[in-house]
Amino acid sequence: TNSILNFFQENGIKGFPDITCDSVSAYAITLKGHAKSTMRGELSRIR
């Protein structure tokens, strides 16, 4: 959770009301290039 929220905060988001579909997609894009199992796990965690 710390890692995920740090990502949002580094991108100017300091509260849950500011999280949008685009910001969630931006986090998902950072997983590009990882193994499928890693991507599955990371998406499950943010979900």
All heavy atoms as atom14 arrays in JSON, in Angstrom:
{
  "sequence": "TNSILNFFQENGIKGFPDITCDSVSAYAITLKGHAKSTMRGELSRIR",
  "atom14_mask": [
    [1, 1, 1, 1, 1, 1, 1, 0, 0, 0, 0, 0, 0, 0],
    [1, 1, 1, 1, 1, 1, 1, 1, 0, 0, 0, 0, 0, 0],
    [1, 1, 1, 1, 1, 1, 0, 0, 0, 0, 0, 0, 0, 0],
    [1, 1, 1, 1, 1, 1, 1, 1, 0, 0, 0, 0, 0, 0],
    [1, 1, 1, 1, 1, 1, 1, 1, 0, 0, 0, 0, 0, 0],
    [1, 1, 1, 1, 1, 1, 1, 1, 0, 0, 0, 0, 0, 0],
    [1, 1, 1, 1, 1, 1, 1, 1, 1, 1, 1, 0, 0, 0],
    [1, 1, 1, 1, 1, 1, 1, 1, 1, 1, 1, 0, 0, 0],
    [1, 1, 1, 1, 1, 1, 1, 1, 1, 0, 0, 0, 0, 0],
    [1, 1, 1, 1, 1, 1, 1, 1, 1, 0, 0, 0, 0, 0],
    [1, 1, 1, 1, 1, 1, 1, 1, 0, 0, 0, 0, 0, 0],
    [1, 1, 1, 1, 0, 0, 0, 0, 0, 0, 0, 0, 0, 0],
    [1, 1, 1, 1, 1, 1, 1, 1, 0, 0, 0, 0, 0, 0],
    [1, 1, 1, 1, 1, 1, 1, 1, 1, 0, 0, 0, 0, 0],
    [1, 1, 1, 1, 0, 0, 0, 0, 0, 0, 0, 0, 0, 0],
    [1, 1, 1, 1, 1, 1, 1, 1, 1, 1, 1, 0, 0, 0],
    [1, 1, 1, 1, 1, 1, 1, 0, 0, 0, 0, 0, 0, 0],
    [1, 1, 1, 1, 1, 1, 1, 1, 0, 0, 0, 0, 0, 0],
    [1, 1, 1, 1, 1, 1, 1, 1, 0, 0, 0, 0, 0, 0],
    [1, 1, 1, 1, 1, 1, 1, 0, 0, 0, 0, 0, 0, 0],
    [1, 1, 1, 1, 1, 1, 0, 0, 0, 0, 0, 0, 0, 0],
    [1, 1, 1, 1, 1, 1, 1, 1, 0, 0, 0, 0, 0, 0],
    [1, 1, 1, 1, 1, 1, 0, 0, 0, 0, 0, 0, 0, 0],
    [1, 1, 1, 1, 1, 1, 1, 0, 0, 0, 0, 0, 0, 0],
    [1, 1, 1, 1, 1, 1, 0, 0, 0, 0, 0, 0, 0, 0],
    [1, 1, 1, 1, 1, 0, 0, 0, 0, 0, 0, 0, 0, 0],
    [1, 1, 1, 1, 1, 1, 1, 1, 1, 1, 1, 1, 0, 0],
    [1, 1, 1, 1, 1, 0, 0, 0, 0, 0, 0, 0, 0, 0],
    [1, 1, 1, 1, 1, 1, 1, 1, 0, 0, 0, 0, 0, 0],
    [1, 1, 1, 1, 1, 1, 1, 0, 0, 0, 0, 0, 0, 0],
    [1, 1, 1, 1, 1, 1, 1, 1, 0, 0, 0, 0, 0, 0],
    [1, 1, 1, 1, 1, 1, 1, 1, 1, 0, 0, 0, 0, 0],
    [1, 1, 1, 1, 0, 0, 0, 0, 0, 0, 0, 0, 0, 0],
    [1, 1, 1, 1, 1, 1, 1, 1, 1, 1, 0, 0, 0, 0],
    [1, 1, 1, 1, 1, 0, 0, 0, 0, 0, 0, 0, 0, 0],
    [1, 1, 1, 1, 1, 1, 1, 1, 1, 0, 0, 0, 0, 0],
    [1, 1, 1, 1, 1, 1, 0, 0, 0, 0, 0, 0, 0, 0],
    [1, 1, 1, 1, 1, 1, 1, 0, 0, 0, 0, 0, 0, 0],
    [1, 1, 1, 1, 1, 1, 1, 1, 0, 0, 0, 0, 0, 0],
    [1, 1, 1, 1, 1, 1, 1, 1, 1, 1, 1, 0, 0, 0],
    [1, 1, 1, 1, 0, 0, 0, 0, 0, 0, 0, 0, 0, 0],
    [1, 1, 1, 1, 1, 1, 1, 1, 1, 0, 0, 0, 0, 0],
    [1, 1, 1, 1, 1, 1, 1, 1, 0, 0, 0, 0, 0, 0],
    [1, 1, 1, 1, 1, 1, 0, 0, 0, 0, 0, 0, 0, 0],
    [1, 1, 1, 1, 1, 1, 1, 1, 1, 1, 1, 0, 0, 0],
    [1, 1, 1, 1, 1, 1, 1, 1, 0, 0, 0, 0, 0, 0],
    [1, 1, 1, 1, 1, 1, 1, 1, 1, 1, 1, 0, 0, 0]
  ],
  "atom14_positions": [
    [[0.83, -1.2, 0.0], [0.0, 0.0, 0.0], [0.87, 1.25, 0.0], [0.58, 2.23, -0.71], [-0.93, 0.0, 1.23], [-1.73, -1.18, 1.22], [-1.84, 1.22, 1.21], [0.0, 0.0, 0.0], [0.0, 0.0, 0.0], [0.0, 0.0, 0.0], [0.0, 0.0, 0.0], [0.0, 0.0, 0.0], [0.0, 0.0, 0.0], [0.0, 0.0, 0.0]],
    [[1.93, 1.24, 0.79], [2.86, 2.36, 0.82], [3.42, 2.65, -0.56], [3.51, 3.8, -0.99], [4.01, 2.06, 1.79], [3.82, 2.73, 3.14], [3.74, 3.95, 3.23], [3.72, 1.94, 4.18], [0.0, 0.0, 0.0], [0.0, 0.0, 0.0], [0.0, 0.0, 0.0], [0.0, 0.0, 0.0], [0.0, 0.0, 0.0], [0.0, 0.0, 0.0]],
    [[3.8, 1.59, -1.27], [4.39, 1.75, -2.61], [3.38, 2.36, -3.57], [3.7, 3.28, -4.34], [4.86, 0.39, -3.11], [5.36, 0.49, -4.43], [0.0, 0.0, 0.0], [0.0, 0.0, 0.0], [0.0, 0.0, 0.0], [0.0, 0.0, 0.0], [0.0, 0.0, 0.0], [0.0, 0.0, 0.0], [0.0, 0.0, 0.0], [0.0, 0.0, 0.0]],
    [[2.15, 1.88, -3.54], [1.11, 2.39, -4.44], [0.78, 3.85, -4.15], [0.7, 4.69, -5.06], [-0.15, 1.51, -4.34], [0.13, 0.11, -4.87], [-1.32, 2.14, -5.08], [-0.94, -0.91, -4.55], [0.0, 0.0, 0.0], [0.0, 0.0, 0.0], [0.0, 0.0, 0.0], [0.0, 0.0, 0.0], [0.0, 0.0, 0.0], [0.0, 0.0, 0.0]],
    [[0.59, 4.17, -2.86], [0.22, 5.53, -2.51], [1.38, 6.5, -2.74], [1.15, 7.68, -3.06], [-0.23, 5.58, -1.04], [-1.5, 4.75, -0.73], [-1.9, 4.94, 0.73], [-2.64, 5.13, -1.65], [0.0, 0.0, 0.0], [0.0, 0.0, 0.0], [0.0, 0.0, 0.0], [0.0, 0.0, 0.0], [0.0, 0.0, 0.0], [0.0, 0.0, 0.0]],
    [[2.62, 6.02, -2.59], [3.77, 6.86, -2.92], [3.78, 7.22, -4.4], [4.13, 8.34, -4.77], [5.07, 6.14, -2.55], [5.59, 6.54, -1.18], [5.82, 7.71, -0.91], [5.75, 5.57, -0.3], [0.0, 0.0, 0.0], [0.0, 0.0, 0.0], [0.0, 0.0, 0.0], [0.0, 0.0, 0.0], [0.0, 0.0, 0.0], [0.0, 0.0, 0.0]],
    [[3.37, 6.26, -5.24], [3.31, 6.54, -6.68], [2.3, 7.66, -6.95], [2.59, 8.61, -7.69], [2.91, 5.28, -7.45], [2.59, 5.56, -8.9], [3.6, 5.64, -9.84], [1.28, 5.76, -9.33], [3.32, 5.91, -11.18], [0.98, 6.03, -10.65], [2.01, 6.1, -11.58], [0.0, 0.0, 0.0], [0.0, 0.0, 0.0], [0.0, 0.0, 0.0]],
    [[1.13, 7.56, -6.35], [0.11, 8.6, -6.56], [0.61, 9.96, -6.06], [0.43, 10.98, -6.72], [-1.18, 8.22, -5.84], [-1.95, 7.1, -6.51], [-2.54, 6.1, -5.76], [-2.08, 7.06, -7.89], [-3.25, 5.08, -6.38], [-2.79, 6.04, -8.52], [-3.38, 5.04, -7.76], [0.0, 0.0, 0.0], [0.0, 0.0, 0.0], [0.0, 0.0, 0.0]],
    [[1.24, 9.95, -4.88], [1.69, 11.22, -4.31], [2.79, 11.86, -5.15], [2.83, 13.08, -5.32], [2.19, 10.98, -2.88], [2.52, 12.28, -2.14], [2.59, 12.06, -0.64], [1.58, 11.95, 0.03], [3.8, 11.98, -0.11], [0.0, 0.0, 0.0], [0.0, 0.0, 0.0], [0.0, 0.0, 0.0], [0.0, 0.0, 0.0], [0.0, 0.0, 0.0]],
    [[3.68, 11.03, -5.7], [4.74, 11.55, -6.57], [4.17, 12.18, -7.84], [4.84, 12.98, -8.5], [5.71, 10.43, -6.93], [6.6, 9.99, -5.76], [7.4, 8.74, -6.09], [7.23, 8.22, -7.22], [8.17, 8.3, -5.23], [0.0, 0.0, 0.0], [0.0, 0.0, 0.0], [0.0, 0.0, 0.0], [0.0, 0.0, 0.0], [0.0, 0.0, 0.0]],
    [[2.93, 11.79, -8.17], [2.27, 12.34, -9.36], [1.24, 13.39, -8.99], [0.29, 13.65, -9.74], [1.62, 11.21, -10.16], [2.64, 10.37, -10.92], [3.01, 10.68, -12.04], [3.12, 9.32, -10.27], [0.0, 0.0, 0.0], [0.0, 0.0, 0.0], [0.0, 0.0, 0.0], [0.0, 0.0, 0.0], [0.0, 0.0, 0.0], [0.0, 0.0, 0.0]],
    [[1.42, 14.01, -7.81], [0.59, 15.15, -7.41], [-0.74, 14.82, -6.78], [-1.57, 15.7, -6.59], [0.0, 0.0, 0.0], [0.0, 0.0, 0.0], [0.0, 0.0, 0.0], [0.0, 0.0, 0.0], [0.0, 0.0, 0.0], [0.0, 0.0, 0.0], [0.0, 0.0, 0.0], [0.0, 0.0, 0.0], [0.0, 0.0, 0.0], [0.0, 0.0, 0.0]],
    [[-0.95, 13.55, -6.45], [-2.23, 13.14, -5.84], [-1.99, 12.89, -4.35], [-1.21, 12.03, -3.98], [-2.78, 11.87, -6.51], [-3.04, 12.12, -7.99], [-4.05, 11.38, -5.81], [-3.39, 10.89, -8.78], [0.0, 0.0, 0.0], [0.0, 0.0, 0.0], [0.0, 0.0, 0.0], [0.0, 0.0, 0.0], [0.0, 0.0, 0.0], [0.0, 0.0, 0.0]],
    [[-2.69, 13.62, -3.49], [-2.48, 13.5, -2.05], [-3.72, 13.01, -1.3], [-3.74, 12.99, -0.08], [-2.02, 14.84, -1.48], [-0.66, 15.29, -2.03], [-0.16, 16.53, -1.33], [1.22, 16.93, -1.85], [1.73, 18.15, -1.17], [0.0, 0.0, 0.0], [0.0, 0.0, 0.0], [0.0, 0.0, 0.0], [0.0, 0.0, 0.0], [0.0, 0.0, 0.0]],
    [[-4.76, 12.65, -2.06], [-5.98, 12.15, -1.43], [-6.75, 11.28, -2.37], [-6.63, 11.37, -3.6], [0.0, 0.0, 0.0], [0.0, 0.0, 0.0], [0.0, 0.0, 0.0], [0.0, 0.0, 0.0], [0.0, 0.0, 0.0], [0.0, 0.0, 0.0], [0.0, 0.0, 0.0], [0.0, 0.0, 0.0], [0.0, 0.0, 0.0], [0.0, 0.0, 0.0]],
    [[-7.58, 10.4, -1.84], [-8.34, 9.47, -2.67], [-9.32, 10.17, -3.63], [-9.52, 9.68, -4.75], [-9.09, 8.47, -1.77], [-8.19, 7.42, -1.19], [-7.71, 7.55, 0.11], [-7.8, 6.32, -1.93], [-6.88, 6.58, 0.65], [-6.97, 5.34, -1.4], [-6.5, 5.48, -0.1], [0.0, 0.0, 0.0], [0.0, 0.0, 0.0], [0.0, 0.0, 0.0]],
    [[-9.94, 11.3, -3.25], [-10.86, 11.96, -4.2], [-10.18, 12.41, -5.49], [-10.86, 12.62, -6.5], [-11.37, 13.16, -3.4], [-11.25, 12.74, -1.97], [-10.0, 11.93, -1.92], [0.0, 0.0, 0.0], [0.0, 0.0, 0.0], [0.0, 0.0, 0.0], [0.0, 0.0, 0.0], [0.0, 0.0, 0.0], [0.0, 0.0, 0.0], [0.0, 0.0, 0.0]],
    [[-8.85, 12.56, -5.45], [-8.13, 13.02, -6.64], [-7.73, 11.88, -7.57], [-7.19, 12.11, -8.66], [-6.87, 13.79, -6.23], [-7.2, 15.04, -5.42], [-8.26, 15.63, -5.7], [-6.43, 15.4, -4.52], [0.0, 0.0, 0.0], [0.0, 0.0, 0.0], [0.0, 0.0, 0.0], [0.0, 0.0, 0.0], [0.0, 0.0, 0.0], [0.0, 0.0, 0.0]],
    [[-7.94, 10.64, -7.14], [-7.58, 9.49, -7.97], [-8.63, 9.32, -9.07], [-9.83, 9.26, -8.81], [-7.49, 8.2, -7.12], [-6.37, 8.35, -6.08], [-7.2, 6.99, -8.02], [-6.25, 7.16, -5.15], [0.0, 0.0, 0.0], [0.0, 0.0, 0.0], [0.0, 0.0, 0.0], [0.0, 0.0, 0.0], [0.0, 0.0, 0.0], [0.0, 0.0, 0.0]],
    [[-8.15, 9.24, -10.3], [-9.04, 9.09, -11.45], [-8.69, 7.82, -12.22], [-7.69, 7.16, -11.93], [-8.93, 10.29, -12.39], [-7.58, 10.32, -12.94], [-9.2, 11.6, -11.64], [0.0, 0.0, 0.0], [0.0, 0.0, 0.0], [0.0, 0.0, 0.0], [0.0, 0.0, 0.0], [0.0, 0.0, 0.0], [0.0, 0.0, 0.0], [0.0, 0.0, 0.0]],
    [[-9.5, 7.54, -13.21], [-9.22, 6.4, -14.07], [-7.86, 6.56, -14.75], [-7.1, 5.59, -14.89], [-10.33, 6.25, -15.12], [-10.12, 4.84, -16.24], [0.0, 0.0, 0.0], [0.0, 0.0, 0.0], [0.0, 0.0, 0.0], [0.0, 0.0, 0.0], [0.0, 0.0, 0.0], [0.0, 0.0, 0.0], [0.0, 0.0, 0.0], [0.0, 0.0, 0.0]],
    [[-7.52, 7.79, -15.14], [-6.24, 8.04, -15.81], [-5.06, 7.78, -14.87], [-4.03, 7.24, -15.3], [-6.19, 9.48, -16.32], [-7.11, 9.7, -17.51], [-7.49, 8.71, -18.15], [-7.45, 10.87, -17.79], [0.0, 0.0, 0.0], [0.0, 0.0, 0.0], [0.0, 0.0, 0.0], [0.0, 0.0, 0.0], [0.0, 0.0, 0.0], [0.0, 0.0, 0.0]],
    [[-5.2, 8.18, -13.61], [-4.08, 7.98, -12.68], [-3.88, 6.5, -12.37], [-2.75, 6.04, -12.2], [-4.32, 8.77, -11.39], [-5.59, 8.48, -10.82], [0.0, 0.0, 0.0], [0.0, 0.0, 0.0], [0.0, 0.0, 0.0], [0.0, 0.0, 0.0], [0.0, 0.0, 0.0], [0.0, 0.0, 0.0], [0.0, 0.0, 0.0], [0.0, 0.0, 0.0]],
    [[-4.97, 5.74, -12.31], [-4.85, 4.29, -12.1], [-4.21, 3.65, -13.33], [-3.34, 2.77, -13.21], [-6.23, 3.66, -11.82], [-6.12, 2.13, -11.77], [-6.8, 4.18, -10.52], [0.0, 0.0, 0.0], [0.0, 0.0, 0.0], [0.0, 0.0, 0.0], [0.0, 0.0, 0.0], [0.0, 0.0, 0.0], [0.0, 0.0, 0.0], [0.0, 0.0, 0.0]],
    [[-4.59, 4.1, -14.52], [-4.0, 3.57, -15.76], [-2.51, 3.9, -15.82], [-1.71, 3.1, -16.3], [-4.72, 4.15, -16.98], [-6.07, 3.74, -17.01], [0.0, 0.0, 0.0], [0.0, 0.0, 0.0], [0.0, 0.0, 0.0], [0.0, 0.0, 0.0], [0.0, 0.0, 0.0], [0.0, 0.0, 0.0], [0.0, 0.0, 0.0], [0.0, 0.0, 0.0]],
    [[-2.14, 5.1, -15.33], [-0.72, 5.5, -15.32], [0.09, 4.54, -14.45], [1.23, 4.19, -14.79], [-0.58, 6.93, -14.81], [0.0, 0.0, 0.0], [0.0, 0.0, 0.0], [0.0, 0.0, 0.0], [0.0, 0.0, 0.0], [0.0, 0.0, 0.0], [0.0, 0.0, 0.0], [0.0, 0.0, 0.0], [0.0, 0.0, 0.0], [0.0, 0.0, 0.0]],
    [[-0.49, 4.11, -13.32], [0.2, 3.14, -12.47], [0.35, 1.81, -13.19], [1.41, 1.18, -13.16], [-0.56, 2.94, -11.16], [0.07, 1.9, -10.26], [1.16, 2.23, -9.45], [-0.41, 0.6, -10.23], [1.75, 1.28, -8.63], [0.18, -0.36, -9.43], [1.25, -0.02, -8.63], [1.84, -0.97, -7.83], [0.0, 0.0, 0.0], [0.0, 0.0, 0.0]],
    [[-0.72, 1.39, -13.88], [-0.68, 0.11, -14.6], [0.39, 0.13, -15.69], [1.06, -0.88, -15.94], [-2.04, -0.21, -15.18], [0.0, 0.0, 0.0], [0.0, 0.0, 0.0], [0.0, 0.0, 0.0], [0.0, 0.0, 0.0], [0.0, 0.0, 0.0], [0.0, 0.0, 0.0], [0.0, 0.0, 0.0], [0.0, 0.0, 0.0], [0.0, 0.0, 0.0]],
    [[0.57, 1.28, -16.34], [1.55, 1.4, -17.42], [2.97, 1.18, -16.9], [3.84, 0.67, -17.61], [1.42, 2.77, -18.11], [0.11, 2.81, -18.9], [2.61, 3.04, -19.03], [-0.21, 4.16, -19.51], [0.0, 0.0, 0.0], [0.0, 0.0, 0.0], [0.0, 0.0, 0.0], [0.0, 0.0, 0.0], [0.0, 0.0, 0.0], [0.0, 0.0, 0.0]],
    [[3.23, 1.53, -15.63], [4.57, 1.34, -15.07], [4.95, -0.13, -14.96], [6.12, -0.46, -14.78], [4.67, 1.98, -13.67], [3.79, 1.29, -12.76], [4.31, 3.45, -13.7], [0.0, 0.0, 0.0], [0.0, 0.0, 0.0], [0.0, 0.0, 0.0], [0.0, 0.0, 0.0], [0.0, 0.0, 0.0], [0.0, 0.0, 0.0], [0.0, 0.0, 0.0]],
    [[3.96, -1.01, -15.07], [4.22, -2.45, -14.96], [4.63, -3.07, -16.28], [4.98, -4.25, -16.33], [2.96, -3.17, -14.45], [2.37, -2.65, -13.13], [1.1, -3.41, -12.8], [3.38, -2.78, -12.0], [0.0, 0.0, 0.0], [0.0, 0.0, 0.0], [0.0, 0.0, 0.0], [0.0, 0.0, 0.0], [0.0, 0.0, 0.0], [0.0, 0.0, 0.0]],
    [[4.61, -2.26, -17.35], [4.96, -2.78, -18.67], [6.37, -3.36, -18.66], [7.31, -2.76, -18.14], [4.88, -1.66, -19.71], [5.18, -2.11, -21.14], [5.08, -0.96, -22.12], [5.39, -1.42, -23.53], [5.32, -0.3, -24.51], [0.0, 0.0, 0.0], [0.0, 0.0, 0.0], [0.0, 0.0, 0.0], [0.0, 0.0, 0.0], [0.0, 0.0, 0.0]],
    [[6.5, -4.54, -19.23], [7.8, -5.2, -19.3], [8.03, -6.21, -18.21], [8.96, -7.03, -18.3], [0.0, 0.0, 0.0], [0.0, 0.0, 0.0], [0.0, 0.0, 0.0], [0.0, 0.0, 0.0], [0.0, 0.0, 0.0], [0.0, 0.0, 0.0], [0.0, 0.0, 0.0], [0.0, 0.0, 0.0], [0.0, 0.0, 0.0], [0.0, 0.0, 0.0]],
    [[7.2, -6.2, -17.16], [7.34, -7.18, -16.09], [6.75, -8.52, -16.52], [5.98, -8.61, -17.48], [6.62, -6.7, -14.83], [7.33, -5.56, -14.14], [8.4, -5.74, -13.3], [7.11, -4.23, -14.18], [8.81, -4.58, -12.84], [8.04, -3.64, -13.37], [0.0, 0.0, 0.0], [0.0, 0.0, 0.0], [0.0, 0.0, 0.0], [0.0, 0.0, 0.0]],
    [[7.1, -9.56, -15.78], [6.54, -10.87, -16.06], [5.03, -10.86, -15.84], [4.51, -10.05, -15.06], [7.19, -11.92, -15.14], [0.0, 0.0, 0.0], [0.0, 0.0, 0.0], [0.0, 0.0, 0.0], [0.0, 0.0, 0.0], [0.0, 0.0, 0.0], [0.0, 0.0, 0.0], [0.0, 0.0, 0.0], [0.0, 0.0, 0.0], [0.0, 0.0, 0.0]],
    [[4.33, -11.76, -16.51], [2.87, -11.8, -16.4], [2.43, -12.01, -14.96], [1.46, -11.39, -14.5], [2.31, -12.91, -17.29], [2.42, -12.63, -18.78], [1.78, -13.76, -19.6], [1.82, -13.45, -21.09], [1.21, -14.54, -21.89], [0.0, 0.0, 0.0], [0.0, 0.0, 0.0], [0.0, 0.0, 0.0], [0.0, 0.0, 0.0], [0.0, 0.0, 0.0]],
    [[3.12, -12.89, -14.26], [2.74, -13.16, -12.87], [2.92, -11.92, -12.0], [2.11, -11.65, -11.1], [3.57, -14.32, -12.31], [4.96, -14.03, -12.4], [0.0, 0.0, 0.0], [0.0, 0.0, 0.0], [0.0, 0.0, 0.0], [0.0, 0.0, 0.0], [0.0, 0.0, 0.0], [0.0, 0.0, 0.0], [0.0, 0.0, 0.0], [0.0, 0.0, 0.0]],
    [[3.97, -11.14, -12.29], [4.2, -9.9, -11.53], [3.1, -8.89, -11.82], [2.57, -8.25, -10.9], [5.57, -9.3, -11.88], [6.6, -10.24, -11.58], [5.83, -8.02, -11.09], [0.0, 0.0, 0.0], [0.0, 0.0, 0.0], [0.0, 0.0, 0.0], [0.0, 0.0, 0.0], [0.0, 0.0, 0.0], [0.0, 0.0, 0.0], [0.0, 0.0, 0.0]],
    [[2.75, -8.74, -13.08], [1.69, -7.8, -13.45], [0.37, -8.19, -12.8], [-0.36, -7.35, -12.29], [1.54, -7.75, -14.97], [2.73, -7.15, -15.7], [2.54, -7.21, -17.5], [1.13, -6.14, -17.73], [0.0, 0.0, 0.0], [0.0, 0.0, 0.0], [0.0, 0.0, 0.0], [0.0, 0.0, 0.0], [0.0, 0.0, 0.0], [0.0, 0.0, 0.0]],
    [[0.08, -9.49, -12.83], [-1.17, -9.96, -12.23], [-1.2, -9.63, -10.74], [-2.21, -9.16, -10.21], [-1.31, -11.46, -12.44], [-2.6, -12.05, -11.87], [-2.64, -13.56, -12.02], [-2.6, -13.95, -13.41], [-1.56, -14.53, -14.01], [-0.44, -14.72, -13.31], [-1.59, -14.87, -15.27], [0.0, 0.0, 0.0], [0.0, 0.0, 0.0], [0.0, 0.0, 0.0]],
    [[-0.08, -9.88, -10.07], [-0.02, -9.62, -8.64], [-0.14, -8.15, -8.31], [-0.86, -7.77, -7.37], [0.0, 0.0, 0.0], [0.0, 0.0, 0.0], [0.0, 0.0, 0.0], [0.0, 0.0, 0.0], [0.0, 0.0, 0.0], [0.0, 0.0, 0.0], [0.0, 0.0, 0.0], [0.0, 0.0, 0.0], [0.0, 0.0, 0.0], [0.0, 0.0, 0.0]],
    [[0.55, -7.3, -9.07], [0.52, -5.86, -8.8], [-0.87, -5.27, -9.05], [-1.35, -4.43, -8.28], [1.56, -5.14, -9.67], [3.0, -5.44, -9.29], [3.35, -4.97, -7.9], [2.8, -3.94, -7.46], [4.16, -5.63, -7.23], [0.0, 0.0, 0.0], [0.0, 0.0, 0.0], [0.0, 0.0, 0.0], [0.0, 0.0, 0.0], [0.0, 0.0, 0.0]],
    [[-1.52, -5.71, -10.12], [-2.88, -5.23, -10.39], [-3.85, -5.69, -9.32], [-4.77, -4.96, -8.93], [-3.34, -5.71, -11.77], [-2.61, -5.11, -12.98], [-3.11, -5.74, -14.28], [-2.77, -3.6, -13.03], [0.0, 0.0, 0.0], [0.0, 0.0, 0.0], [0.0, 0.0, 0.0], [0.0, 0.0, 0.0], [0.0, 0.0, 0.0], [0.0, 0.0, 0.0]],
    [[-3.65, -6.9, -8.82], [-4.5, -7.41, -7.75], [-4.31, -6.59, -6.48], [-5.27, -6.3, -5.76], [-4.18, -8.89, -7.49], [-4.91, -9.38, -6.38], [0.0, 0.0, 0.0], [0.0, 0.0, 0.0], [0.0, 0.0, 0.0], [0.0, 0.0, 0.0], [0.0, 0.0, 0.0], [0.0, 0.0, 0.0], [0.0, 0.0, 0.0], [0.0, 0.0, 0.0]],
    [[-3.07, -6.17, -6.22], [-2.79, -5.4, -5.0], [-3.43, -4.02, -5.05], [-4.03, -3.58, -4.06], [-1.27, -5.29, -4.81], [-0.62, -6.63, -4.48], [0.88, -6.48, -4.26], [1.48, -7.79, -4.1], [2.24, -8.4, -5.02], [2.48, -7.8, -6.16], [2.76, -9.59, -4.79], [0.0, 0.0, 0.0], [0.0, 0.0, 0.0], [0.0, 0.0, 0.0]],
    [[-3.3, -3.33, -6.17], [-3.91, -2.0, -6.23], [-5.43, -2.11, -6.23], [-6.12, -1.25, -5.66], [-3.42, -1.2, -7.48], [-3.94, 0.23, -7.4], [-3.84, -1.86, -8.77], [-3.39, 1.13, -8.48], [0.0, 0.0, 0.0], [0.0, 0.0, 0.0], [0.0, 0.0, 0.0], [0.0, 0.0, 0.0], [0.0, 0.0, 0.0], [0.0, 0.0, 0.0]],
    [[-5.95, -3.18, -6.8], [-7.4, -3.39, -6.76], [-7.87, -3.58, -5.31], [-8.91, -3.04, -4.9], [-7.75, -4.62, -7.61], [-9.24, -4.78, -7.87], [-9.51, -5.95, -8.8], [-9.04, -5.68, -10.17], [-8.05, -6.31, -10.76], [-7.37, -7.25, -10.1], [-7.69, -6.01, -11.98], [0.0, 0.0, 0.0], [0.0, 0.0, 0.0], [0.0, 0.0, 0.0]]
  ]
}
